[in-house]
Amino acid sequence: QTPGKGREFVSGITRSGDTTDYVASVKGRFTISRDNAKNTV
């Protein structure tokens, strides 16, 4: 979220971490991941 703008989706990941999703503007530059053993995304 930036000042004066709404909060926008950037990236998402499934419970298992097997599948990811990105907004077009960050695809190829951002990578989402998770470590369920560490409770961290």
Full PDB file with SEQRES, HELIX, SHEET, SSBOND, CRYST1, ORIGX, SCALE, CONECT and MASTER records, all heavy atoms in Angstrom:
SEQRES   1 A   41  GLN THR PRO GLY LYS GLY ARG GLU PHE VAL SER GLY ILE          
SEQRES   2 A   41  THR ARG SER GLY ASP THR THR ASP TYR VAL ALA SER VAL          
SEQRES   3 A   41  LYS GLY ARG PHE THR ILE SER ARG ASP ASN ALA LYS ASN          
SEQRES   4 A   41  THR VAL                                                      
SHEET    1 AA1 2 SER A  11  ILE A  13  0                                        
SHEET    2 AA1 2 THR A  20  TYR A  22 -1                                        
CRYST1    1.000    1.000    1.000  90.00  90.00  90.00 P 1           1          
ORIGX1      1.000000  0.000000  0.000000        0.00000                         
ORIGX2      0.000000  1.000000  0.000000        0.00000                         
ORIGX3      0.000000  0.000000  1.000000        0.00000                         
SCALE1      1.000000  0.000000  0.000000        0.00000                         
SCALE2      0.000000  1.000000  0.000000        0.00000                         
SCALE3      0.000000  0.000000  1.000000        0.00000                         
ATOM      1  N   GLN A   1       0.846  -1.197   0.000  1.00  0.00           N  
ATOM      2  CA  GLN A   1       0.000   0.000   0.000  1.00  0.00           C  
ATOM      3  C   GLN A   1       0.877   1.241   0.000  1.00  0.00           C  
ATOM      4  O   GLN A   1       1.844   1.337   0.748  1.00  0.00           O  
ATOM      5  CB  GLN A   1      -0.914   0.002   1.228  1.00  0.00           C  
ATOM      6  CG  GLN A   1      -1.924   1.121   1.245  1.00  0.00           C  
ATOM      7  CD  GLN A   1      -2.970   0.927   2.325  1.00  0.00           C  
ATOM      8  OE1 GLN A   1      -2.797   0.153   3.278  1.00  0.00           O  
ATOM      9  NE2 GLN A   1      -4.090   1.602   2.193  1.00  0.00           N  
ATOM     10  N   THR A   2       0.498   2.195  -0.854  1.00  0.00           N  
ATOM     11  CA  THR A   2       1.166   3.489  -0.884  1.00  0.00           C  
ATOM     12  C   THR A   2       0.170   4.550  -0.437  1.00  0.00           C  
ATOM     13  O   THR A   2      -1.051   4.335  -0.516  1.00  0.00           O  
ATOM     14  CB  THR A   2       1.683   3.819  -2.288  1.00  0.00           C  
ATOM     15  OG1 THR A   2       0.596   3.712  -3.224  1.00  0.00           O  
ATOM     16  CG2 THR A   2       2.781   2.850  -2.706  1.00  0.00           C  
ATOM     17  N   PRO A   3       0.662   5.712   0.032  1.00  0.00           N  
ATOM     18  CA  PRO A   3      -0.242   6.760   0.503  1.00  0.00           C  
ATOM     19  C   PRO A   3      -1.243   7.163  -0.569  1.00  0.00           C  
ATOM     20  O   PRO A   3      -0.877   7.372  -1.725  1.00  0.00           O  
ATOM     21  CB  PRO A   3       0.708   7.912   0.856  1.00  0.00           C  
ATOM     22  CG  PRO A   3       1.994   7.247   1.173  1.00  0.00           C  
ATOM     23  CD  PRO A   3       2.075   6.068   0.251  1.00  0.00           C  
ATOM     24  N   GLY A   4      -2.475   7.225  -0.198  1.00  0.00           N  
ATOM     25  CA  GLY A   4      -3.510   7.650  -1.122  1.00  0.00           C  
ATOM     26  C   GLY A   4      -4.023   6.558  -2.033  1.00  0.00           C  
ATOM     27  O   GLY A   4      -4.933   6.807  -2.840  1.00  0.00           O  
ATOM     28  N   LYS A   5      -3.468   5.359  -1.912  1.00  0.00           N  
ATOM     29  CA  LYS A   5      -3.923   4.250  -2.746  1.00  0.00           C  
ATOM     30  C   LYS A   5      -4.382   3.099  -1.877  1.00  0.00           C  
ATOM     31  O   LYS A   5      -3.967   2.967  -0.716  1.00  0.00           O  
ATOM     32  CB  LYS A   5      -2.803   3.790  -3.682  1.00  0.00           C  
ATOM     33  CG  LYS A   5      -2.421   4.798  -4.739  1.00  0.00           C  
ATOM     34  CD  LYS A   5      -1.363   4.239  -5.688  1.00  0.00           C  
ATOM     35  CE  LYS A   5      -1.907   3.108  -6.533  1.00  0.00           C  
ATOM     36  NZ  LYS A   5      -0.915   2.622  -7.523  1.00  0.00           N  
ATOM     37  N   GLY A   6      -5.205   2.289  -2.450  1.00  0.00           N  
ATOM     38  CA  GLY A   6      -5.672   1.121  -1.724  1.00  0.00           C  
ATOM     39  C   GLY A   6      -4.598   0.055  -1.618  1.00  0.00           C  
ATOM     40  O   GLY A   6      -3.579   0.098  -2.308  1.00  0.00           O  
ATOM     41  N   ARG A   7      -4.830  -0.881  -0.744  1.00  0.00           N  
ATOM     42  CA  ARG A   7      -3.904  -1.985  -0.580  1.00  0.00           C  
ATOM     43  C   ARG A   7      -4.080  -2.950  -1.745  1.00  0.00           C  
ATOM     44  O   ARG A   7      -5.212  -3.334  -2.075  1.00  0.00           O  
ATOM     45  CB  ARG A   7      -4.195  -2.687   0.764  1.00  0.00           C  
ATOM     46  CG  ARG A   7      -3.109  -3.606   1.237  1.00  0.00           C  
ATOM     47  CD  ARG A   7      -3.350  -4.031   2.676  1.00  0.00           C  
ATOM     48  NE  ARG A   7      -3.316  -2.898   3.592  1.00  0.00           N  
ATOM     49  CZ  ARG A   7      -3.354  -3.046   4.921  1.00  0.00           C  
ATOM     50  NH1 ARG A   7      -3.439  -4.251   5.458  1.00  0.00           N  
ATOM     51  NH2 ARG A   7      -3.322  -1.986   5.705  1.00  0.00           N  
ATOM     52  N   GLU A   8      -2.972  -3.341  -2.363  1.00  0.00           N  
ATOM     53  CA  GLU A   8      -3.073  -4.191  -3.543  1.00  0.00           C  
ATOM     54  C   GLU A   8      -2.348  -5.519  -3.324  1.00  0.00           C  
ATOM     55  O   GLU A   8      -1.333  -5.596  -2.638  1.00  0.00           O  
ATOM     56  CB  GLU A   8      -2.483  -3.498  -4.782  1.00  0.00           C  
ATOM     57  CG  GLU A   8      -0.997  -3.259  -4.737  1.00  0.00           C  
ATOM     58  CD  GLU A   8      -0.417  -2.845  -6.093  1.00  0.00           C  
ATOM     59  OE1 GLU A   8      -1.131  -2.879  -7.102  1.00  0.00           O  
ATOM     60  OE2 GLU A   8       0.785  -2.490  -6.113  1.00  0.00           O  
ATOM     61  N   PHE A   9      -2.900  -6.531  -3.942  1.00  0.00           N  
ATOM     62  CA  PHE A   9      -2.305  -7.870  -3.914  1.00  0.00           C  
ATOM     63  C   PHE A   9      -0.986  -7.863  -4.674  1.00  0.00           C  
ATOM     64  O   PHE A   9      -0.867  -7.279  -5.747  1.00  0.00           O  
ATOM     65  CB  PHE A   9      -3.274  -8.865  -4.548  1.00  0.00           C  
ATOM     66  CG  PHE A   9      -2.720 -10.244  -4.734  1.00  0.00           C  
ATOM     67  CD1 PHE A   9      -2.776 -11.168  -3.691  1.00  0.00           C  
ATOM     68  CD2 PHE A   9      -2.157 -10.635  -5.934  1.00  0.00           C  
ATOM     69  CE1 PHE A   9      -2.281 -12.455  -3.858  1.00  0.00           C  
ATOM     70  CE2 PHE A   9      -1.662 -11.914  -6.108  1.00  0.00           C  
ATOM     71  CZ  PHE A   9      -1.720 -12.831  -5.071  1.00  0.00           C  
ATOM     72  N   VAL A  10       0.007  -8.534  -4.110  1.00  0.00           N  
ATOM     73  CA  VAL A  10       1.314  -8.675  -4.758  1.00  0.00           C  
ATOM     74  C   VAL A  10       1.583 -10.129  -5.123  1.00  0.00           C  
ATOM     75  O   VAL A  10       1.938 -10.440  -6.258  1.00  0.00           O  
ATOM     76  CB  VAL A  10       2.447  -8.154  -3.845  1.00  0.00           C  
ATOM     77  CG1 VAL A  10       3.808  -8.421  -4.476  1.00  0.00           C  
ATOM     78  CG2 VAL A  10       2.263  -6.672  -3.557  1.00  0.00           C  
ATOM     79  N   SER A  11       1.398 -11.022  -4.149  1.00  0.00           N  
ATOM     80  CA  SER A  11       1.744 -12.417  -4.382  1.00  0.00           C  
ATOM     81  C   SER A  11       1.021 -13.303  -3.387  1.00  0.00           C  
ATOM     82  O   SER A  11       0.672 -12.868  -2.287  1.00  0.00           O  
ATOM     83  CB  SER A  11       3.257 -12.600  -4.240  1.00  0.00           C  
ATOM     84  OG  SER A  11       3.645 -13.933  -4.494  1.00  0.00           O  
ATOM     85  N   GLY A  12       0.797 -14.562  -3.774  1.00  0.00           N  
ATOM     86  CA  GLY A  12       0.157 -15.516  -2.882  1.00  0.00           C  
ATOM     87  C   GLY A  12       0.782 -16.895  -3.024  1.00  0.00           C  
ATOM     88  O   GLY A  12       1.434 -17.200  -4.035  1.00  0.00           O  
ATOM     89  N   ILE A  13       0.575 -17.717  -2.008  1.00  0.00           N  
ATOM     90  CA  ILE A  13       1.149 -19.059  -2.009  1.00  0.00           C  
ATOM     91  C   ILE A  13       0.197 -20.005  -1.298  1.00  0.00           C  
ATOM     92  O   ILE A  13      -0.464 -19.641  -0.323  1.00  0.00           O  
ATOM     93  CB  ILE A  13       2.545 -19.049  -1.343  1.00  0.00           C  
ATOM     94  CG1 ILE A  13       3.279 -20.367  -1.543  1.00  0.00           C  
ATOM     95  CG2 ILE A  13       2.455 -18.671   0.139  1.00  0.00           C  
ATOM     96  CD1 ILE A  13       4.768 -20.289  -1.196  1.00  0.00           C  
ATOM     97  N   THR A  14       0.113 -21.219  -1.797  1.00  0.00           N  
ATOM     98  CA  THR A  14      -0.767 -22.220  -1.198  1.00  0.00           C  
ATOM     99  C   THR A  14      -0.231 -22.691   0.147  1.00  0.00           C  
ATOM    100  O   THR A  14       0.901 -22.401   0.525  1.00  0.00           O  
ATOM    101  CB  THR A  14      -0.909 -23.426  -2.132  1.00  0.00           C  
ATOM    102  OG1 THR A  14       0.416 -23.940  -2.430  1.00  0.00           O  
ATOM    103  CG2 THR A  14      -1.600 -23.042  -3.431  1.00  0.00           C  
ATOM    104  N   ARG A  15      -1.040 -23.453   0.856  1.00  0.00           N  
ATOM    105  CA  ARG A  15      -0.646 -23.969   2.174  1.00  0.00           C  
ATOM    106  C   ARG A  15       0.629 -24.796   2.088  1.00  0.00           C  
ATOM    107  O   ARG A  15       1.503 -24.724   2.953  1.00  0.00           O  
ATOM    108  CB  ARG A  15      -1.750 -24.844   2.751  1.00  0.00           C  
ATOM    109  CG  ARG A  15      -3.059 -24.161   2.966  1.00  0.00           C  
ATOM    110  CD  ARG A  15      -4.067 -25.071   3.677  1.00  0.00           C  
ATOM    111  NE  ARG A  15      -4.016 -26.442   3.230  1.00  0.00           N  
ATOM    112  CZ  ARG A  15      -4.771 -27.411   3.741  1.00  0.00           C  
ATOM    113  NH1 ARG A  15      -5.629 -27.135   4.719  1.00  0.00           N  
ATOM    114  NH2 ARG A  15      -4.678 -28.643   3.292  1.00  0.00           N  
ATOM    115  N   SER A  16       0.741 -25.588   1.049  1.00  0.00           N  
ATOM    116  CA  SER A  16       1.902 -26.463   0.897  1.00  0.00           C  
ATOM    117  C   SER A  16       3.122 -25.732   0.353  1.00  0.00           C  
ATOM    118  O   SER A  16       4.248 -26.211   0.496  1.00  0.00           O  
ATOM    119  CB  SER A  16       1.560 -27.619  -0.035  1.00  0.00           C  
ATOM    120  OG  SER A  16       1.332 -27.128  -1.340  1.00  0.00           O  
ATOM    121  N   GLY A  17       2.887 -24.603  -0.295  1.00  0.00           N  
ATOM    122  CA  GLY A  17       3.977 -23.890  -0.952  1.00  0.00           C  
ATOM    123  C   GLY A  17       4.224 -24.346  -2.372  1.00  0.00           C  
ATOM    124  O   GLY A  17       5.128 -23.848  -3.036  1.00  0.00           O  
ATOM    125  N   ASP A  18       3.396 -25.264  -2.867  1.00  0.00           N  
ATOM    126  CA  ASP A  18       3.637 -25.837  -4.194  1.00  0.00           C  
ATOM    127  C   ASP A  18       3.256 -24.902  -5.325  1.00  0.00           C  
ATOM    128  O   ASP A  18       3.790 -25.019  -6.447  1.00  0.00           O  
ATOM    129  CB  ASP A  18       2.851 -27.145  -4.343  1.00  0.00           C  
ATOM    130  CG  ASP A  18       3.477 -28.281  -3.558  1.00  0.00           C  
ATOM    131  OD1 ASP A  18       4.618 -28.112  -3.075  1.00  0.00           O  
ATOM    132  OD2 ASP A  18       2.819 -29.325  -3.421  1.00  0.00           O  
ATOM    133  N   THR A  19       2.312 -24.005  -5.080  1.00  0.00           N  
ATOM    134  CA  THR A  19       1.820 -23.142  -6.151  1.00  0.00           C  
ATOM    135  C   THR A  19       1.851 -21.695  -5.699  1.00  0.00           C  
ATOM    136  O   THR A  19       1.530 -21.395  -4.545  1.00  0.00           O  
ATOM    137  CB  THR A  19       0.384 -23.536  -6.538  1.00  0.00           C  
ATOM    138  OG1 THR A  19       0.331 -24.939  -6.801  1.00  0.00           O  
ATOM    139  CG2 THR A  19      -0.081 -22.786  -7.775  1.00  0.00           C  
ATOM    140  N   THR A  20       2.234 -20.823  -6.622  1.00  0.00           N  
ATOM    141  CA  THR A  20       2.356 -19.405  -6.307  1.00  0.00           C  
ATOM    142  C   THR A  20       1.618 -18.555  -7.337  1.00  0.00           C  
ATOM    143  O   THR A  20       1.307 -19.020  -8.444  1.00  0.00           O  
ATOM    144  CB  THR A  20       3.830 -18.984  -6.253  1.00  0.00           C  
ATOM    145  OG1 THR A  20       4.448 -19.297  -7.504  1.00  0.00           O  
ATOM    146  CG2 THR A  20       4.568 -19.707  -5.138  1.00  0.00           C  
ATOM    147  N   ASP A  21       1.391 -17.316  -6.958  1.00  0.00           N  
ATOM    148  CA  ASP A  21       0.641 -16.380  -7.793  1.00  0.00           C  
ATOM    149  C   ASP A  21       1.282 -15.009  -7.637  1.00  0.00           C  
ATOM    150  O   ASP A  21       1.709 -14.645  -6.535  1.00  0.00           O  
ATOM    151  CB  ASP A  21      -0.825 -16.355  -7.319  1.00  0.00           C  
ATOM    152  CG  ASP A  21      -1.710 -15.452  -8.153  1.00  0.00           C  
ATOM    153  OD1 ASP A  21      -1.412 -15.242  -9.345  1.00  0.00           O  
ATOM    154  OD2 ASP A  21      -2.728 -14.963  -7.610  1.00  0.00           O  
ATOM    155  N   TYR A  22       1.330 -14.243  -8.740  1.00  0.00           N  
ATOM    156  CA  TYR A  22       1.949 -12.923  -8.709  1.00  0.00           C  
ATOM    157  C   TYR A  22       1.123 -11.944  -9.532  1.00  0.00           C  
ATOM    158  O   TYR A  22       0.577 -12.301 -10.589  1.00  0.00           O  
ATOM    159  CB  TYR A  22       3.367 -12.960  -9.297  1.00  0.00           C  
ATOM    160  CG  TYR A  22       4.307 -13.884  -8.573  1.00  0.00           C  
ATOM    161  CD1 TYR A  22       4.480 -15.200  -8.993  1.00  0.00           C  
ATOM    162  CD2 TYR A  22       5.019 -13.453  -7.463  1.00  0.00           C  
ATOM    163  CE1 TYR A  22       5.333 -16.065  -8.325  1.00  0.00           C  
ATOM    164  CE2 TYR A  22       5.878 -14.308  -6.786  1.00  0.00           C  
ATOM    165  CZ  TYR A  22       6.024 -15.612  -7.223  1.00  0.00           C  
ATOM    166  OH  TYR A  22       6.877 -16.464  -6.554  1.00  0.00           O  
ATOM    167  N   VAL A  23       1.098 -10.716  -9.076  1.00  0.00           N  
ATOM    168  CA  VAL A  23       0.545  -9.656  -9.901  1.00  0.00           C  
ATOM    169  C   VAL A  23       1.518  -9.404 -11.051  1.00  0.00           C  
ATOM    170  O   VAL A  23       2.736  -9.619 -10.904  1.00  0.00           O  
ATOM    171  CB  VAL A  23       0.308  -8.384  -9.052  1.00  0.00           C  
ATOM    172  CG1 VAL A  23       1.613  -7.749  -8.629  1.00  0.00           C  
ATOM    173  CG2 VAL A  23      -0.575  -7.401  -9.789  1.00  0.00           C  
ATOM    174  N   ALA A  24       1.016  -8.993 -12.180  1.00  0.00           N  
ATOM    175  CA  ALA A  24       1.828  -8.891 -13.391  1.00  0.00           C  
ATOM    176  C   ALA A  24       3.050  -7.981 -13.203  1.00  0.00           C  
ATOM    177  O   ALA A  24       4.125  -8.243 -13.747  1.00  0.00           O  
ATOM    178  CB  ALA A  24       0.970  -8.389 -14.542  1.00  0.00           C  
ATOM    179  N   SER A  25       2.903  -6.928 -12.422  1.00  0.00           N  
ATOM    180  CA  SER A  25       3.978  -5.948 -12.296  1.00  0.00           C  
ATOM    181  C   SER A  25       5.207  -6.473 -11.560  1.00  0.00           C  
ATOM    182  O   SER A  25       6.276  -5.857 -11.640  1.00  0.00           O  
ATOM    183  CB  SER A  25       3.455  -4.698 -11.594  1.00  0.00           C  
ATOM    184  OG  SER A  25       2.976  -5.006 -10.307  1.00  0.00           O  
ATOM    185  N   VAL A  26       5.088  -7.581 -10.837  1.00  0.00           N  
ATOM    186  CA  VAL A  26       6.235  -8.119 -10.096  1.00  0.00           C  
ATOM    187  C   VAL A  26       6.674  -9.482 -10.606  1.00  0.00           C  
ATOM    188  O   VAL A  26       7.710 -10.006 -10.163  1.00  0.00           O  
ATOM    189  CB  VAL A  26       5.942  -8.211  -8.580  1.00  0.00           C  
ATOM    190  CG1 VAL A  26       5.434  -6.879  -8.050  1.00  0.00           C  
ATOM    191  CG2 VAL A  26       4.986  -9.332  -8.246  1.00  0.00           C  
ATOM    192  N   LYS A  27       5.923 -10.041 -11.514  1.00  0.00           N  
ATOM    193  CA  LYS A  27       6.246 -11.373 -12.017  1.00  0.00           C  
ATOM    194  C   LYS A  27       7.627 -11.370 -12.653  1.00  0.00           C  
ATOM    195  O   LYS A  27       7.962 -10.483 -13.441  1.00  0.00           O  
ATOM    196  CB  LYS A  27       5.175 -11.813 -13.022  1.00  0.00           C  
ATOM    197  CG  LYS A  27       5.016 -13.316 -13.140  1.00  0.00           C  
ATOM    198  CD  LYS A  27       3.726 -13.663 -13.847  1.00  0.00           C  
ATOM    199  CE  LYS A  27       3.462 -15.153 -13.785  1.00  0.00           C  
ATOM    200  NZ  LYS A  27       2.175 -15.524 -14.410  1.00  0.00           N  
ATOM    201  N   GLY A  28       8.426 -12.370 -12.292  1.00  0.00           N  
ATOM    202  CA  GLY A  28       9.785 -12.445 -12.808  1.00  0.00           C  
ATOM    203  C   GLY A  28      10.805 -11.715 -11.955  1.00  0.00           C  
ATOM    204  O   GLY A  28      12.015 -11.910 -12.118  1.00  0.00           O  
ATOM    205  N   ARG A  29      10.329 -10.863 -11.036  1.00  0.00           N  
ATOM    206  CA  ARG A  29      11.237 -10.126 -10.154  1.00  0.00           C  
ATOM    207  C   ARG A  29      11.086 -10.555  -8.693  1.00  0.00           C  
ATOM    208  O   ARG A  29      12.061 -10.554  -7.940  1.00  0.00           O  
ATOM    209  CB  ARG A  29      10.974  -8.619 -10.259  1.00  0.00           C  
ATOM    210  CG  ARG A  29      11.158  -8.047 -11.639  1.00  0.00           C  
ATOM    211  CD  ARG A  29      11.071  -6.519 -11.627  1.00  0.00           C  
ATOM    212  NE  ARG A  29       9.758  -6.034 -11.196  1.00  0.00           N  
ATOM    213  CZ  ARG A  29       9.563  -5.234 -10.154  1.00  0.00           C  
ATOM    214  NH1 ARG A  29      10.588  -4.825  -9.419  1.00  0.00           N  
ATOM    215  NH2 ARG A  29       8.338  -4.828  -9.843  1.00  0.00           N  
ATOM    216  N   PHE A  30       9.892 -10.896  -8.274  1.00  0.00           N  
ATOM    217  CA  PHE A  30       9.610 -11.290  -6.891  1.00  0.00           C  
ATOM    218  C   PHE A  30       9.373 -12.792  -6.818  1.00  0.00           C  
ATOM    219  O   PHE A  30       8.815 -13.383  -7.747  1.00  0.00           O  
ATOM    220  CB  PHE A  30       8.373 -10.580  -6.361  1.00  0.00           C  
ATOM    221  CG  PHE A  30       8.504  -9.097  -6.136  1.00  0.00           C  
ATOM    222  CD1 PHE A  30       9.611  -8.386  -6.588  1.00  0.00           C  
ATOM    223  CD2 PHE A  30       7.513  -8.407  -5.454  1.00  0.00           C  
ATOM    224  CE1 PHE A  30       9.730  -7.023  -6.375  1.00  0.00           C  
ATOM    225  CE2 PHE A  30       7.617  -7.046  -5.225  1.00  0.00           C  
ATOM    226  CZ  PHE A  30       8.727  -6.353  -5.700  1.00  0.00           C  
ATOM    227  N   THR A  31       9.763 -13.376  -5.694  1.00  0.00           N  
ATOM    228  CA  THR A  31       9.521 -14.791  -5.451  1.00  0.00           C  
ATOM    229  C   THR A  31       8.988 -14.987  -4.043  1.00  0.00           C  
ATOM    230  O   THR A  31       9.622 -14.568  -3.071  1.00  0.00           O  
ATOM    231  CB  THR A  31      10.803 -15.625  -5.620  1.00  0.00           C  
ATOM    232  OG1 THR A  31      11.339 -15.423  -6.926  1.00  0.00           O  
ATOM    233  CG2 THR A  31      10.507 -17.108  -5.420  1.00  0.00           C  
ATOM    234  N   ILE A  32       7.834 -15.615  -3.959  1.00  0.00           N  
ATOM    235  CA  ILE A  32       7.248 -15.939  -2.658  1.00  0.00           C  
ATOM    236  C   ILE A  32       7.591 -17.381  -2.313  1.00  0.00           C  
ATOM    237  O   ILE A  32       7.646 -18.250  -3.190  1.00  0.00           O  
ATOM    238  CB  ILE A  32       5.726 -15.714  -2.655  1.00  0.00           C  
ATOM    239  CG1 ILE A  32       5.149 -15.812  -1.244  1.00  0.00           C  
ATOM    240  CG2 ILE A  32       5.026 -16.655  -3.630  1.00  0.00           C  
ATOM    241  CD1 ILE A  32       3.664 -15.398  -1.160  1.00  0.00           C  
ATOM    242  N   SER A  33       7.839 -17.632  -1.038  1.00  0.00           N  
ATOM    243  CA  SER A  33       8.107 -18.988  -0.573  1.00  0.00           C  
ATOM    244  C   SER A  33       7.686 -19.088   0.891  1.00  0.00           C  
ATOM    245  O   SER A  33       7.398 -18.079   1.530  1.00  0.00           O  
ATOM    246  CB  SER A  33       9.587 -19.353  -0.737  1.00  0.00           C  
ATOM    247  OG  SER A  33      10.397 -18.485   0.045  1.00  0.00           O  
ATOM    248  N   ARG A  34       7.638 -20.293   1.395  1.00  0.00           N  
ATOM    249  CA  ARG A  34       7.272 -20.479   2.798  1.00  0.00           C  
ATOM    250  C   ARG A  34       8.024 -21.667   3.363  1.00  0.00           C  
ATOM    251  O   ARG A  34       8.380 -22.600   2.637  1.00  0.00           O  
ATOM    252  CB  ARG A  34       5.769 -20.653   2.961  1.00  0.00           C  
ATOM    253  CG  ARG A  34       5.200 -21.918   2.363  1.00  0.00           C  
ATOM    254  CD  ARG A  34       3.666 -21.894   2.405  1.00  0.00           C  
ATOM    255  NE  ARG A  34       3.132 -21.916   3.764  1.00  0.00           N  
ATOM    256  CZ  ARG A  34       1.880 -21.587   4.058  1.00  0.00           C  
ATOM    257  NH1 ARG A  34       1.041 -21.191   3.110  1.00  0.00           N  
ATOM    258  NH2 ARG A  34       1.460 -21.650   5.316  1.00  0.00           N  
ATOM    259  N   ASP A  35       8.220 -21.620   4.674  1.00  0.00           N  
ATOM    260  CA  ASP A  35       8.818 -22.719   5.408  1.00  0.00           C  
ATOM    261  C   ASP A  35       7.860 -23.041   6.550  1.00  0.00           C  
ATOM    262  O   ASP A  35       7.827 -22.328   7.562  1.00  0.00           O  
ATOM    263  CB  ASP A  35      10.192 -22.312   5.940  1.00  0.00           C  
ATOM    264  CG  ASP A  35      10.934 -23.461   6.618  1.00  0.00           C  
ATOM    265  OD1 ASP A  35      10.280 -24.418   7.053  1.00  0.00           O  
ATOM    266  OD2 ASP A  35      12.156 -23.372   6.719  1.00  0.00           O  
ATOM    267  N   ASN A  36       7.065 -24.070   6.369  1.00  0.00           N  
ATOM    268  CA  ASN A  36       6.050 -24.390   7.373  1.00  0.00           C  
ATOM    269  C   ASN A  36       6.669 -24.859   8.687  1.00  0.00           C  
ATOM    270  O   ASN A  36       6.052 -24.723   9.741  1.00  0.00           O  
ATOM    271  CB  ASN A  36       5.078 -25.430   6.826  1.00  0.00           C  
ATOM    272  CG  ASN A  36       4.115 -24.828   5.813  1.00  0.00           C  
ATOM    273  OD1 ASN A  36       3.937 -23.612   5.725  1.00  0.00           O  
ATOM    274  ND2 ASN A  36       3.488 -25.684   5.014  1.00  0.00           N  
ATOM    275  N   ALA A  37       7.860 -25.413   8.634  1.00  0.00           N  
ATOM    276  CA  ALA A  37       8.529 -25.828   9.869  1.00  0.00           C  
ATOM    277  C   ALA A  37       8.934 -24.616  10.708  1.00  0.00           C  
ATOM    278  O   ALA A  37       9.033 -24.707  11.935  1.00  0.00           O  
ATOM    279  CB  ALA A  37       9.751 -26.665   9.543  1.00  0.00           C  
ATOM    280  N   LYS A  38       9.151 -23.478  10.040  1.00  0.00           N  
ATOM    281  CA  LYS A  38       9.544 -22.255  10.739  1.00  0.00           C  
ATOM    282  C   LYS A  38       8.396 -21.265  10.859  1.00  0.00           C  
ATOM    283  O   LYS A  38       8.581 -20.143  11.340  1.00  0.00           O  
ATOM    284  CB  LYS A  38      10.718 -21.588  10.027  1.00  0.00           C  
ATOM    285  CG  LYS A  38      11.997 -22.413  10.038  1.00  0.00           C  
ATOM    286  CD  LYS A  38      13.140 -21.667   9.372  1.00  0.00           C  
ATOM    287  CE  LYS A  38      14.421 -22.482   9.430  1.00  0.00           C  
ATOM    288  NZ  LYS A  38      15.560 -21.779   8.762  1.00  0.00           N  
ATOM    289  N   ASN A  39       7.212 -21.654  10.381  1.00  0.00           N  
ATOM    290  CA  ASN A  39       6.047 -20.759  10.434  1.00  0.00           C  
ATOM    291  C   ASN A  39       6.351 -19.400   9.801  1.00  0.00           C  
ATOM    292  O   ASN A  39       5.974 -18.347  10.343  1.00  0.00           O  
ATOM    293  CB  ASN A  39       5.579 -20.553  11.881  1.00  0.00           C  
ATOM    294  CG  ASN A  39       4.822 -21.743  12.425  1.00  0.00           C  
ATOM    295  OD1 ASN A  39       4.760 -22.796  11.782  1.00  0.00           O  
ATOM    296  ND2 ASN A  39       4.265 -21.617  13.604  1.00  0.00           N  
ATOM    297  N   THR A  40       6.998 -19.416   8.660  1.00  0.00           N  
ATOM    298  CA  THR A  40       7.446 -18.180   8.035  1.00  0.00           C  
ATOM    299  C   THR A  40       7.179 -18.201   6.533  1.00  0.00           C  
ATOM    300  O   THR A  40       7.359 -19.238   5.887  1.00  0.00           O  
ATOM    301  CB  THR A  40       8.943 -17.948   8.298  1.00  0.00           C  
ATOM    302  OG1 THR A  40       9.183 -17.930   9.719  1.00  0.00           O  
ATOM    303  CG2 THR A  40       9.397 -16.618   7.719  1.00  0.00           C  
ATOM    304  N   VAL A  41       6.753 -17.063   6.030  1.00  0.00           N  
ATOM    305  CA  VAL A  41       6.614 -16.864   4.591  1.00  0.00           C  
ATOM    306  C   VAL A  41       7.558 -15.736   4.192  1.00  0.00           C  
ATOM    307  O   VAL A  41       7.786 -14.795   4.964  1.00  0.00           O  
ATOM    308  CB  VAL A  41       5.149 -16.570   4.202  1.00  0.00           C  
ATOM    309  CG1 VAL A  41       4.643 -15.282   4.828  1.00  0.00           C  
ATOM    310  CG2 VAL A  41       4.985 -16.533   2.694  1.00  0.00           C  
TER     311      VAL A  41                                                      
MASTER        0    0    0    0    2    0    0    6  310    1    0    4          
END                                                                             
